[in-house]
C-alpha atoms as a PDB file:
ATOM      1  CA  MET A   1      42.278  13.908 -48.174  1.00  0.00           C
ATOM      2  CA  LEU A   2      44.799  13.071 -45.475  1.00  0.00           C
ATOM      3  CA  GLY A   3      47.055  10.143 -46.331  1.00  0.00           C
ATOM      4  CA  LEU A   4      47.783   7.323 -43.883  1.00  0.00           C
ATOM      5  CA  GLY A   5      51.505   7.973 -44.244  1.00  0.00           C
ATOM      6  CA  GLN A   6      51.114  11.623 -43.237  1.00  0.00           C
ATOM      7  CA  TRP A   7      49.173  10.656 -40.121  1.00  0.00           C
ATOM      8  CA  VAL A   8      51.701   7.989 -39.115  1.00  0.00           C
ATOM      9  CA  ARG A   9      54.574  10.444 -39.593  1.00  0.00           C
ATOM     10  CA  SER A  10      52.835  12.983 -37.372  1.00  0.00           C
ATOM     11  CA  LEU A  11      52.585  10.381 -34.599  1.00  0.00           C
ATOM     12  CA  ALA A  12      56.230   9.270 -34.852  1.00  0.00           C
ATOM     13  CA  PRO A  13      57.615  11.902 -32.412  1.00  0.00           C
ATOM     14  CA  ILE A  14      54.928  10.940 -29.877  1.00  0.00           C
ATOM     15  CA  MET A  15      55.788   7.245 -30.183  1.00  0.00           C
ATOM     16  CA  ASP A  16      59.455   8.121 -29.685  1.00  0.00           C
ATOM     17  CA  GLU A  17      58.580   9.809 -26.383  1.00  0.00           C
ATOM     18  CA  PHE A  18      56.607   6.734 -25.298  1.00  0.00           C
ATOM     19  CA  VAL A  19      59.675   4.569 -25.944  1.00  0.00           C
ATOM     20  CA  ARG A  20      61.906   6.970 -23.998  1.00  0.00           C
ATOM     21  CA  ALA A  21      59.515   6.948 -21.037  1.00  0.00           C
ATOM     22  CA  ALA A  22      59.301   3.143 -21.049  1.00  0.00           C
ATOM     23  CA  SER A  23      63.088   2.964 -20.877  1.00  0.00           C
ATOM     24  CA  GLY A  24      63.151   5.299 -17.864  1.00  0.00           C
ATOM     25  CA  ASP A  25      64.024   8.517 -19.698  1.00  0.00           C
ATOM     26  CA  ALA A  26      60.701  10.407 -19.485  1.00  0.00           C
ATOM     27  CA  ARG A  27      60.761  14.091 -20.470  1.00  0.00           C
ATOM     28  CA  THR A  28      58.593  16.019 -18.042  1.00  0.00           C
ATOM     29  CA  ASP A  29      57.890  18.830 -20.494  1.00  0.00           C
ATOM     30  CA  PHE A  30      56.411  16.374 -22.997  1.00  0.00           C
ATOM     31  CA  TRP A  31      54.073  14.736 -20.466  1.00  0.00           C
ATOM     32  CA  LYS A  32      52.841  18.128 -19.288  1.00  0.00           C
ATOM     33  CA  ARG A  33      51.520  18.773 -22.799  1.00  0.00           C
ATOM     34  CA  ILE A  34      49.124  15.807 -23.100  1.00  0.00           C
ATOM     35  CA  TYR A  35      45.930  17.867 -23.216  1.00  0.00           C
ATOM     36  CA  ASN A  36      47.105  21.475 -23.176  1.00  0.00           C
ATOM     37  CA  PRO A  37      50.423  23.187 -22.446  1.00  0.00           C
ATOM     38  CA  ALA A  38      50.598  24.786 -19.018  1.00  0.00           C
ATOM     39  CA  ASP A  39      50.198  28.307 -20.441  1.00  0.00           C
ATOM     40  CA  ALA A  40      46.845  27.332 -22.011  1.00  0.00           C
ATOM     41  CA  TYR A  41      45.182  25.518 -19.072  1.00  0.00           C
ATOM     42  CA  GLY A  42      41.498  26.230 -18.576  1.00  0.00           C
ATOM     43  CA  GLY A  43      40.540  26.741 -22.218  1.00  0.00           C
ATOM     44  CA  GLU A  44      37.982  24.717 -24.190  1.00  0.00           C
ATOM     45  CA  VAL A  45      40.343  24.098 -27.118  1.00  0.00           C
ATOM     46  CA  VAL A  46      42.709  21.117 -27.014  1.00  0.00           C
ATOM     47  CA  THR A  47      46.196  21.945 -28.274  1.00  0.00           C
ATOM     48  CA  GLY A  48      48.258  19.200 -26.599  1.00  0.00           C
ATOM     49  CA  TRP A  49      49.760  16.228 -28.398  1.00  0.00           C
ATOM     50  CA  ILE A  50      46.795  13.936 -27.691  1.00  0.00           C
ATOM     51  CA  SER A  51      44.939  15.903 -30.380  1.00  0.00           C
ATOM     52  CA  ARG A  52      47.203  14.275 -33.002  1.00  0.00           C
ATOM     53  CA  PHE A  53      45.583  10.876 -32.468  1.00  0.00           C
ATOM     54  CA  TYR A  54      42.547  11.922 -34.551  1.00  0.00           C
ATOM     55  CA  PRO A  55      43.240  12.165 -38.301  1.00  0.00           C
ATOM     56  CA  TYR A  56      39.752  13.486 -39.113  1.00  0.00           C
ATOM     57  CA  LEU A  57      37.273  15.679 -37.280  1.00  0.00           C
ATOM     58  CA  ALA A  58      33.485  15.971 -37.380  1.00  0.00           C
ATOM     59  CA  LEU A  59      33.337  19.528 -38.674  1.00  0.00           C
ATOM     60  CA  GLU A  60      30.204  20.941 -40.323  1.00  0.00           C
ATOM     61  CA  GLY A  61      28.337  17.676 -39.945  1.00  0.00           C
ATOM     62  CA  THR A  62      30.991  15.404 -41.476  1.00  0.00           C
ATOM     63  CA  ASN A  63      33.741  13.108 -40.245  1.00  0.00           C
ATOM     64  CA  GLY A  64      35.969  13.953 -43.185  1.00  0.00           C
ATOM     65  CA  ALA A  65      37.763  17.190 -42.241  1.00  0.00           C
ATOM     66  CA  PRO A  66      41.551  16.705 -41.801  1.00  0.00           C
ATOM     67  CA  ASN A  67      42.819  17.604 -38.341  1.00  0.00           C
ATOM     68  CA  PRO A  68      44.752  20.932 -38.602  1.00  0.00           C
ATOM     69  CA  MET A  69      47.003  19.922 -35.695  1.00  0.00           C
ATOM     70  CA  LEU A  70      48.780  17.425 -37.922  1.00  0.00           C
ATOM     71  CA  ASP A  71      50.372  20.288 -39.872  1.00  0.00           C
ATOM     72  CA  LEU A  72      52.186  21.587 -36.753  1.00  0.00           C
ATOM     73  CA  ARG A  73      55.367  20.495 -35.056  1.00  0.00           C
ATOM     74  CA  LEU A  74      54.903  18.595 -31.802  1.00  0.00           C
ATOM     75  CA  GLY A  75      55.718  21.578 -29.564  1.00  0.00           C
ATOM     76  CA  GLU A  76      53.173  23.867 -31.254  1.00  0.00           C
ATOM     77  CA  PRO A  77      51.094  25.853 -30.681  1.00  0.00           C
ATOM     78  CA  ARG A  78      52.200  27.772 -27.617  1.00  0.00           C
ATOM     79  CA  GLY A  79      49.718  29.624 -25.410  1.00  0.00           C
ATOM     80  CA  GLU A  80      45.987  30.009 -25.972  1.00  0.00           C
ATOM     81  CA  ARG A  81      46.217  31.294 -29.540  1.00  0.00           C
ATOM     82  CA  GLY A  82      46.643  29.153 -32.609  1.00  0.00           C
ATOM     83  CA  PRO A  83      45.015  26.016 -34.006  1.00  0.00           C
ATOM     84  CA  GLY A  84      43.373  23.502 -31.732  1.00  0.00           C
ATOM     85  CA  ILE A  85      40.424  21.143 -31.628  1.00  0.00           C
ATOM     86  CA  ARG A  86      37.310  20.904 -29.516  1.00  0.00           C
ATOM     87  CA  THR A  87      36.426  17.593 -27.925  1.00  0.00           C
ATOM     88  CA  ASP A  88      32.948  17.668 -29.475  1.00  0.00           C
ATOM     89  CA  THR A  89      34.520  17.538 -32.958  1.00  0.00           C
ATOM     90  CA  VAL A  90      36.260  14.206 -32.266  1.00  0.00           C
ATOM     91  CA  PRO A  91      34.188  11.379 -33.791  1.00  0.00           C
ATOM     92  CA  ALA A  92      33.179   9.074 -30.920  1.00  0.00           C
ATOM     93  CA  THR A  93      33.268   5.835 -32.854  1.00  0.00           C
ATOM     94  CA  LEU A  94      35.277   2.737 -33.622  1.00  0.00           C
ATOM     95  CA  CYS A  95      37.078   2.213 -36.909  1.00  0.00           C
ATOM     96  CA  ARG A  96      34.910   0.294 -39.380  1.00  0.00           C
ATOM     97  CA  ALA A  97      35.741  -1.673 -42.517  1.00  0.00           C
ATOM     98  CA  ILE A  98      32.846  -2.847 -44.704  1.00  0.00           C
ATOM     99  CA  ILE A  99      33.243  -6.295 -46.316  1.00  0.00           C
ATOM    100  CA  ASN A 100      31.011  -7.724 -49.059  1.00  0.00           C
ATOM    101  CA  VAL A 101      30.506 -11.498 -48.731  1.00  0.00           C
ATOM    102  CA  LYS A 102      28.916 -13.980 -51.139  1.00  0.00           C
ATOM    103  CA  ASP A 103      27.362 -16.669 -48.963  1.00  0.00           C
ATOM    104  CA  LEU A 104      25.273 -19.522 -50.424  1.00  0.00           C
ATOM    105  CA  GLY A 105      23.627 -17.430 -53.098  1.00  0.00           C
ATOM    106  CA  ILE A 106      23.099 -14.346 -50.937  1.00  0.00           C
ATOM    107  CA  ASN A 107      25.098 -11.118 -50.999  1.00  0.00           C
ATOM    108  CA  ARG A 108      25.830 -10.128 -47.406  1.00  0.00           C
ATOM    109  CA  VAL A 109      27.499  -7.068 -45.975  1.00  0.00           C
ATOM    110  CA  VAL A 110      29.446  -7.333 -42.738  1.00  0.00           C
ATOM    111  CA  ALA A 111      31.303  -4.699 -40.773  1.00  0.00           C
ATOM    112  CA  LEU A 112      34.590  -5.228 -38.973  1.00  0.00           C
ATOM    113  CA  ASP A 113      34.599  -2.804 -36.030  1.00  0.00           C
ATOM    114  CA  ALA A 114      37.827  -2.312 -34.106  1.00  0.00           C
ATOM    115  CA  GLY A 115      39.421   0.139 -31.714  1.00  0.00           C
ATOM    116  CA  LEU A 116      39.612   0.999 -28.033  1.00  0.00           C
ATOM    117  CA  THR A 117      36.506  -0.491 -26.452  1.00  0.00           C
ATOM    118  CA  GLY A 118      37.083   0.067 -22.746  1.00  0.00           C
ATOM    119  CA  VAL A 119      39.421   0.801 -19.849  1.00  0.00           C
ATOM    120  CA  ALA A 120      40.755  -1.729 -17.316  1.00  0.00           C
ATOM    121  CA  GLN A 121      42.399  -1.030 -13.968  1.00  0.00           C
ATOM    122  CA  ASP A 122      45.470  -3.051 -13.009  1.00  0.00           C
ATOM    123  CA  PRO A 123      46.071  -4.233  -9.412  1.00  0.00           C
ATOM    124  CA  ASP A 124      48.552  -1.391  -8.868  1.00  0.00           C
ATOM    125  CA  GLY A 125      45.858   1.164  -9.762  1.00  0.00           C
ATOM    126  CA  ALA A 126      47.127   1.973 -13.235  1.00  0.00           C
ATOM    127  CA  LEU A 127      44.537   2.409 -15.979  1.00  0.00           C
ATOM    128  CA  ARG A 128      44.992   0.447 -19.192  1.00  0.00           C
ATOM    129  CA  PRO A 129      43.118   0.896 -22.503  1.00  0.00           C
ATOM    130  CA  VAL A 130      41.518  -2.266 -23.876  1.00  0.00           C
ATOM    131  CA  ALA A 131      41.443  -2.854 -27.622  1.00  0.00           C
ATOM    132  CA  GLY A 132      38.880  -5.118 -29.221  1.00  0.00           C
ATOM    133  CA  TRP A 133      37.079  -5.997 -32.422  1.00  0.00           C
ATOM    134  CA  ALA A 134      33.769  -7.467 -33.577  1.00  0.00           C
ATOM    135  CA  LEU A 135      32.362  -8.746 -36.868  1.00  0.00           C
ATOM    136  CA  LEU A 136      28.734  -7.677 -37.326  1.00  0.00           C
ATOM    137  CA  ASP A 137      26.050  -7.901 -39.954  1.00  0.00           C
ATOM    138  CA  ALA A 138      25.817  -4.489 -41.631  1.00  0.00           C
ATOM    139  CA  PRO A 139      23.288  -4.631 -44.464  1.00  0.00           C
ATOM    140  CA  PRO A 140      22.643  -1.245 -46.082  1.00  0.00           C
ATOM    141  CA  ASP A 141      19.323   0.248 -45.080  1.00  0.00           C
ATOM    142  CA  ILE A 142      16.985   0.951 -48.000  1.00  0.00           C
ATOM    143  CA  GLU A 143      16.052   4.417 -46.708  1.00  0.00           C
ATOM    144  CA  THR A 144      19.733   5.375 -46.442  1.00  0.00           C
ATOM    145  CA  VAL A 145      20.351   4.067 -49.961  1.00  0.00           C
ATOM    146  CA  ILE A 146      17.370   6.063 -51.248  1.00  0.00           C
ATOM    147  CA  ASP A 147      18.801   9.194 -49.591  1.00  0.00           C
ATOM    148  CA  ARG A 148      22.068   8.570 -51.432  1.00  0.00           C
ATOM    149  CA  LEU A 149      20.295   7.932 -54.738  1.00  0.00           C
ATOM    150  CA  ILE A 150      18.396  11.227 -54.455  1.00  0.00           C
ATOM    151  CA  ALA A 151      21.565  13.127 -53.527  1.00  0.00           C
ATOM    152  CA  GLU A 152      23.730  11.705 -56.333  1.00  0.00           C
ATOM    153  CA  HIS A 153      21.336  11.129 -59.251  1.00  0.00           C
ATOM    154  CA  GLU A 154      18.422  12.684 -61.117  1.00  0.00           C
ATOM    155  CA  THR A 155      15.167  11.672 -59.475  1.00  0.00           C
ATOM    156  CA  THR A 156      11.515  12.695 -59.702  1.00  0.00           C
ATOM    157  CA  PRO A 157       9.366  12.502 -56.555  1.00  0.00           C
ATOM    158  CA  PRO A 158       5.774  11.220 -56.731  1.00  0.00           C
ATOM    159  CA  GLU A 159       3.308  14.021 -57.434  1.00  0.00           C
ATOM    160  CA  THR A 160       0.841  12.435 -55.032  1.00  0.00           C
ATOM    161  CA  ALA A 161       1.111   9.715 -52.433  1.00  0.00           C
ATOM    162  CA  PRO A 162       1.171   6.461 -54.432  1.00  0.00           C
ATOM    163  CA  ARG A 163      -1.671   4.029 -53.802  1.00  0.00           C
ATOM    164  CA  GLY A 164      -2.213   0.395 -54.554  1.00  0.00           C
ATOM    165  CA  LEU A 165       1.483  -0.426 -54.903  1.00  0.00           C
ATOM    166  CA  SER A 166       2.553  -4.054 -54.789  1.00  0.00           C
ATOM    167  CA  GLY A 167       5.929  -5.770 -54.733  1.00  0.00           C
ATOM    168  CA  GLY A 168       8.743  -6.341 -52.278  1.00  0.00           C
ATOM    169  CA  ALA A 169       9.079  -4.096 -49.245  1.00  0.00           C
ATOM    170  CA  GLU A 170      12.253  -2.403 -50.520  1.00  0.00           C
ATOM    171  CA  MET A 171      10.701  -1.680 -53.918  1.00  0.00           C
ATOM    172  CA  LEU A 172       7.633  -0.180 -52.244  1.00  0.00           C
ATOM    173  CA  ALA A 173       9.876   2.030 -50.100  1.00  0.00           C
ATOM    174  CA  LEU A 174      11.678   3.215 -53.248  1.00  0.00           C
ATOM    175  CA  HIS A 175       8.501   4.102 -55.141  1.00  0.00           C
ATOM    176  CA  ASN A 176       7.042   5.840 -52.108  1.00  0.00           C
ATOM    177  CA  ARG A 177       9.823   8.427 -52.446  1.00  0.00           C
ATOM    178  CA  ILE A 178      10.864   8.300 -56.119  1.00  0.00           C
ATOM    179  CA  ALA A 179       8.549   8.113 -59.114  1.00  0.00           C
ATOM    180  CA  SER A 180      11.332   7.781 -61.703  1.00  0.00           C
ATOM    181  CA  ALA A 181      15.079   8.277 -61.881  1.00  0.00           C
ATOM    182  CA  SER A 182      18.039   8.483 -64.265  1.00  0.00           C
ATOM    183  CA  LEU A 183      21.275   6.965 -62.963  1.00  0.00           C
ATOM    184  CA  PHE A 184      24.838   6.880 -64.285  1.00  0.00           C
ATOM    185  CA  ASP A 185      24.280   9.469 -67.027  1.00  0.00           C
ATOM    186  CA  GLY A 186      21.142   7.694 -68.213  1.00  0.00           C
ATOM    187  CA  SER A 187      22.573   4.184 -68.455  1.00  0.00           C
ATOM    188  CA  TRP A 188      20.059   3.085 -65.805  1.00  0.00           C
ATOM    189  CA  ARG A 189      16.438   4.258 -65.578  1.00  0.00           C
ATOM    190  CA  LEU A 190      14.068   3.561 -62.730  1.00  0.00           C
ATOM    191  CA  LEU A 191      10.748   3.046 -64.477  1.00  0.00           C
ATOM    192  CA  PRO A 192       7.600   4.694 -63.128  1.00  0.00           C
ATOM    193  CA  TYR A 193       5.355   2.219 -61.355  1.00  0.00           C
ATOM    194  CA  ALA A 194       2.810   2.274 -64.188  1.00  0.00           C
ATOM    195  CA  ASP A 195       5.542   1.493 -66.759  1.00  0.00           C
ATOM    196  CA  MET A 196       6.949  -1.595 -65.040  1.00  0.00           C
ATOM    197  CA  VAL A 197       7.876  -4.270 -67.613  1.00  0.00           C
ATOM    198  CA  TYR A 198       6.613  -7.795 -66.873  1.00  0.00           C
ATOM    199  CA  ARG A 199       8.537 -10.758 -68.272  1.00  0.00           C
ATOM    200  CA  ASP A 200       8.066 -14.553 -68.163  1.00  0.00           C
ATOM    201  CA  LEU A 201      11.165 -16.727 -68.503  1.00  0.00           C
ATOM    202  CA  GLY A 202      10.119 -20.336 -68.383  1.00  0.00           C
ATOM    203  CA  PRO A 203       8.465 -20.873 -64.997  1.00  0.00           C
ATOM    204  CA  HIS A 204       9.799 -17.584 -63.662  1.00  0.00           C
ATOM    205  CA  SER A 205       7.867 -14.306 -63.535  1.00  0.00           C
ATOM    206  CA  ILE A 206       9.948 -11.132 -63.282  1.00  0.00           C
ATOM    207  CA  CYS A 207       8.855  -7.548 -62.569  1.00  0.00           C
ATOM    208  CA  CYS A 208      11.438  -5.359 -64.322  1.00  0.00           C
ATOM    209  CA  TRP A 209      11.833  -2.029 -62.547  1.00  0.00           C
ATOM    210  CA  PHE A 210      15.107  -0.773 -64.041  1.00  0.00           C
ATOM    211  CA  ALA A 211      15.809  -0.410 -67.771  1.00  0.00           C
ATOM    212  CA  LEU A 212      19.487  -0.374 -68.766  1.00  0.00           C
ATOM    213  CA  ALA A 213      20.850   1.401 -71.836  1.00  0.00           C
ATOM    214  CA  ASP A 214      22.263  -1.872 -73.239  1.00  0.00           C
ATOM    215  CA  GLY A 215      18.773  -3.409 -73.479  1.00  0.00           C
ATOM    216  CA  ARG A 216      18.836  -5.336 -70.209  1.00  0.00           C
ATOM    217  CA  TYR A 217      16.429  -5.041 -67.297  1.00  0.00           C
ATOM    218  CA  VAL A 218      16.959  -5.401 -63.547  1.00  0.00           C
ATOM    219  CA  GLY A 219      13.932  -6.875 -61.866  1.00  0.00           C
ATOM    220  CA  GLU A 220      12.361  -8.863 -59.054  1.00  0.00           C
ATOM    221  CA  VAL A 221      11.932 -12.573 -59.566  1.00  0.00           C
ATOM    222  CA  GLN A 222       8.618 -13.606 -58.060  1.00  0.00           C
ATOM    223  CA  VAL A 223       9.272 -16.640 -55.860  1.00  0.00           C
ATOM    224  CA  TRP A 224       6.253 -18.226 -54.199  1.00  0.00           C
ATOM    225  CA  ASN A 225       6.323 -18.105 -50.365  1.00  0.00           C
ATOM    226  CA  ALA A 226       9.756 -16.405 -50.374  1.00  0.00           C
ATOM    227  CA  VAL A 227      10.376 -13.884 -47.596  1.00  0.00           C
ATOM    228  CA  GLU A 228      12.441 -11.719 -49.965  1.00  0.00           C
ATOM    229  CA  PRO A 229      12.407 -11.623 -53.778  1.00  0.00           C
ATOM    230  CA  GLN A 230      15.483 -12.510 -55.792  1.00  0.00           C
ATOM    231  CA  TRP A 231      16.900  -9.866 -58.122  1.00  0.00           C
ATOM    232  CA  ALA A 232      18.090 -10.642 -61.636  1.00  0.00           C
ATOM    233  CA  VAL A 233      19.474  -8.864 -64.709  1.00  0.00           C
ATOM    234  CA  LEU A 234      18.085 -10.087 -68.037  1.00  0.00           C
ATOM    235  CA  ARG A 235      17.374  -9.407 -71.700  1.00  0.00           C
ATOM    236  CA  ASP A 236      14.246 -10.263 -73.655  1.00  0.00           C
ATOM    237  CA  GLY A 237      14.514 -13.835 -74.855  1.00  0.00           C
ATOM    238  CA  ASP A 238      17.266 -14.893 -72.457  1.00  0.00           C
ATOM    239  CA  ASP A 239      17.515 -18.537 -71.494  1.00  0.00           C
ATOM    240  CA  PRO A 240      17.046 -18.891 -67.690  1.00  0.00           C
ATOM    241  CA  ALA A 241      20.418 -20.658 -67.595  1.00  0.00           C
ATOM    242  CA  GLU A 242      22.041 -17.398 -68.765  1.00  0.00           C
ATOM    243  CA  VAL A 243      20.256 -14.972 -66.420  1.00  0.00           C
ATOM    244  CA  PRO A 244      22.428 -13.904 -63.435  1.00  0.00           C
ATOM    245  CA  LEU A 245      20.875 -13.632 -59.995  1.00  0.00           C
ATOM    246  CA  LEU A 246      22.029 -10.653 -57.912  1.00  0.00           C
ATOM    247  CA  GLY A 247      20.913 -11.645 -54.421  1.00  0.00           C
ATOM    248  CA  THR A 248      17.872 -10.751 -52.351  1.00  0.00           C
ATOM    249  CA  SER A 249      18.592  -7.152 -51.280  1.00  0.00           C
ATOM    250  CA  LEU A 250      17.644  -4.177 -53.466  1.00  0.00           C
ATOM    251  CA  ALA A 251      19.438  -1.888 -51.013  1.00  0.00           C
ATOM    252  CA  HIS A 252      22.692  -3.802 -51.444  1.00  0.00           C
ATOM    253  CA  LEU A 253      22.239  -3.968 -55.216  1.00  0.00           C
ATOM    254  CA  LEU A 254      21.733  -0.207 -55.599  1.00  0.00           C
ATOM    255  CA  ASP A 255      24.443   0.698 -53.100  1.00  0.00           C
ATOM    256  CA  ALA A 256      26.984  -1.539 -54.836  1.00  0.00           C
ATOM    257  CA  ALA A 257      25.916  -0.264 -58.276  1.00  0.00           C
ATOM    258  CA  MET A 258      26.430   3.346 -57.172  1.00  0.00           C
ATOM    259  CA  ASP A 259      29.875   2.447 -55.802  1.00  0.00           C
ATOM    260  CA  ALA A 260      30.822   0.873 -59.154  1.00  0.00           C
ATOM    261  CA  ASP A 261      29.253   3.427 -61.525  1.00  0.00           C
ATOM    262  CA  GLY A 262      26.533   1.003 -62.596  1.00  0.00           C
ATOM    263  CA  ASP A 263      28.631  -2.167 -62.916  1.00  0.00           C
ATOM    264  CA  ILE A 264      26.840  -5.091 -61.228  1.00  0.00           C
ATOM    265  CA  ALA A 265      28.705  -8.089 -62.667  1.00  0.00           C
ATOM    266  CA  HIS A 266      30.469  -8.645 -59.339  1.00  0.00           C
ATOM    267  CA  LEU A 267      27.120  -9.138 -57.584  1.00  0.00           C
ATOM    268  CA  GLU A 268      26.266 -12.371 -59.390  1.00  0.00           C
ATOM    269  CA  VAL A 269      25.427 -15.193 -56.942  1.00  0.00           C
ATOM    270  CA  GLY A 270      23.857 -17.787 -59.242  1.00  0.00           C
ATOM    271  CA  ARG A 271      21.633 -18.369 -62.264  1.00  0.00           C
ATOM    272  CA  LEU A 272      17.886 -18.083 -62.681  1.00  0.00           C
ATOM    273  CA  ALA A 273      17.623 -21.705 -63.835  1.00  0.00           C
ATOM    274  CA  ASP A 274      19.028 -22.845 -60.473  1.00  0.00           C
ATOM    275  CA  LEU A 275      16.370 -21.024 -58.471  1.00  0.00           C
ATOM    276  CA  VAL A 276      14.050 -23.396 -56.632  1.00  0.00           C
ATOM    277  CA  LEU A 277      10.421 -22.312 -56.914  1.00  0.00           C
END
């Protein structure tokens, strides 16, 4: 993968030219090579220095291919031959950082989007890029998480369309596509619908859908009149005061577990005994 330092170093000569131009010492040859050098005008491939602003390209359906232009000196290539990029391989998107937030007993996912969001025109006619940012809710979608689970782990699809399923909406979506699964080299197992383990802990009823190799279960806590079920991780015989709650989103739980190779301790948002029925 391309390192941030490598990308910054490749942009350094361009930034130097910007500084020279701002001080009144603009090099005409440099500014003629923004998009393509003069001897390559008219082609569909971009070989000018503006191509260096994109560290990764959307090649073969991904946004993870390093830009080959970053391996060349600023004055290369010359003419129509040689490396270049096509404009349709440049990802048309803002930069995004995903942030996990624990907020009043709920695990939330937010996205910080930032980048160039528009163009403004100054009174003298000059065009000026406008940078901006926004903080948005970005909860993982259960169907996307299921796609990832199928791609990265051993899963068995239902032999027939399941009927008569009950439970939370995310759990129903999961069992509509996966009958059973083995995750993290068998340390997690998604139980078939018929093998779901039902547990009572004090006043709490829990449908245990995942069996862990250390004897714990991950399951839905049935909360009367709740829009979304709470998720918990428990052992047989646990005191409710010792049972961690993991939030209300199965999609977030599975996505975070896959990111951490099955570790879910960081998802704890409370205790079962504190849950108001």
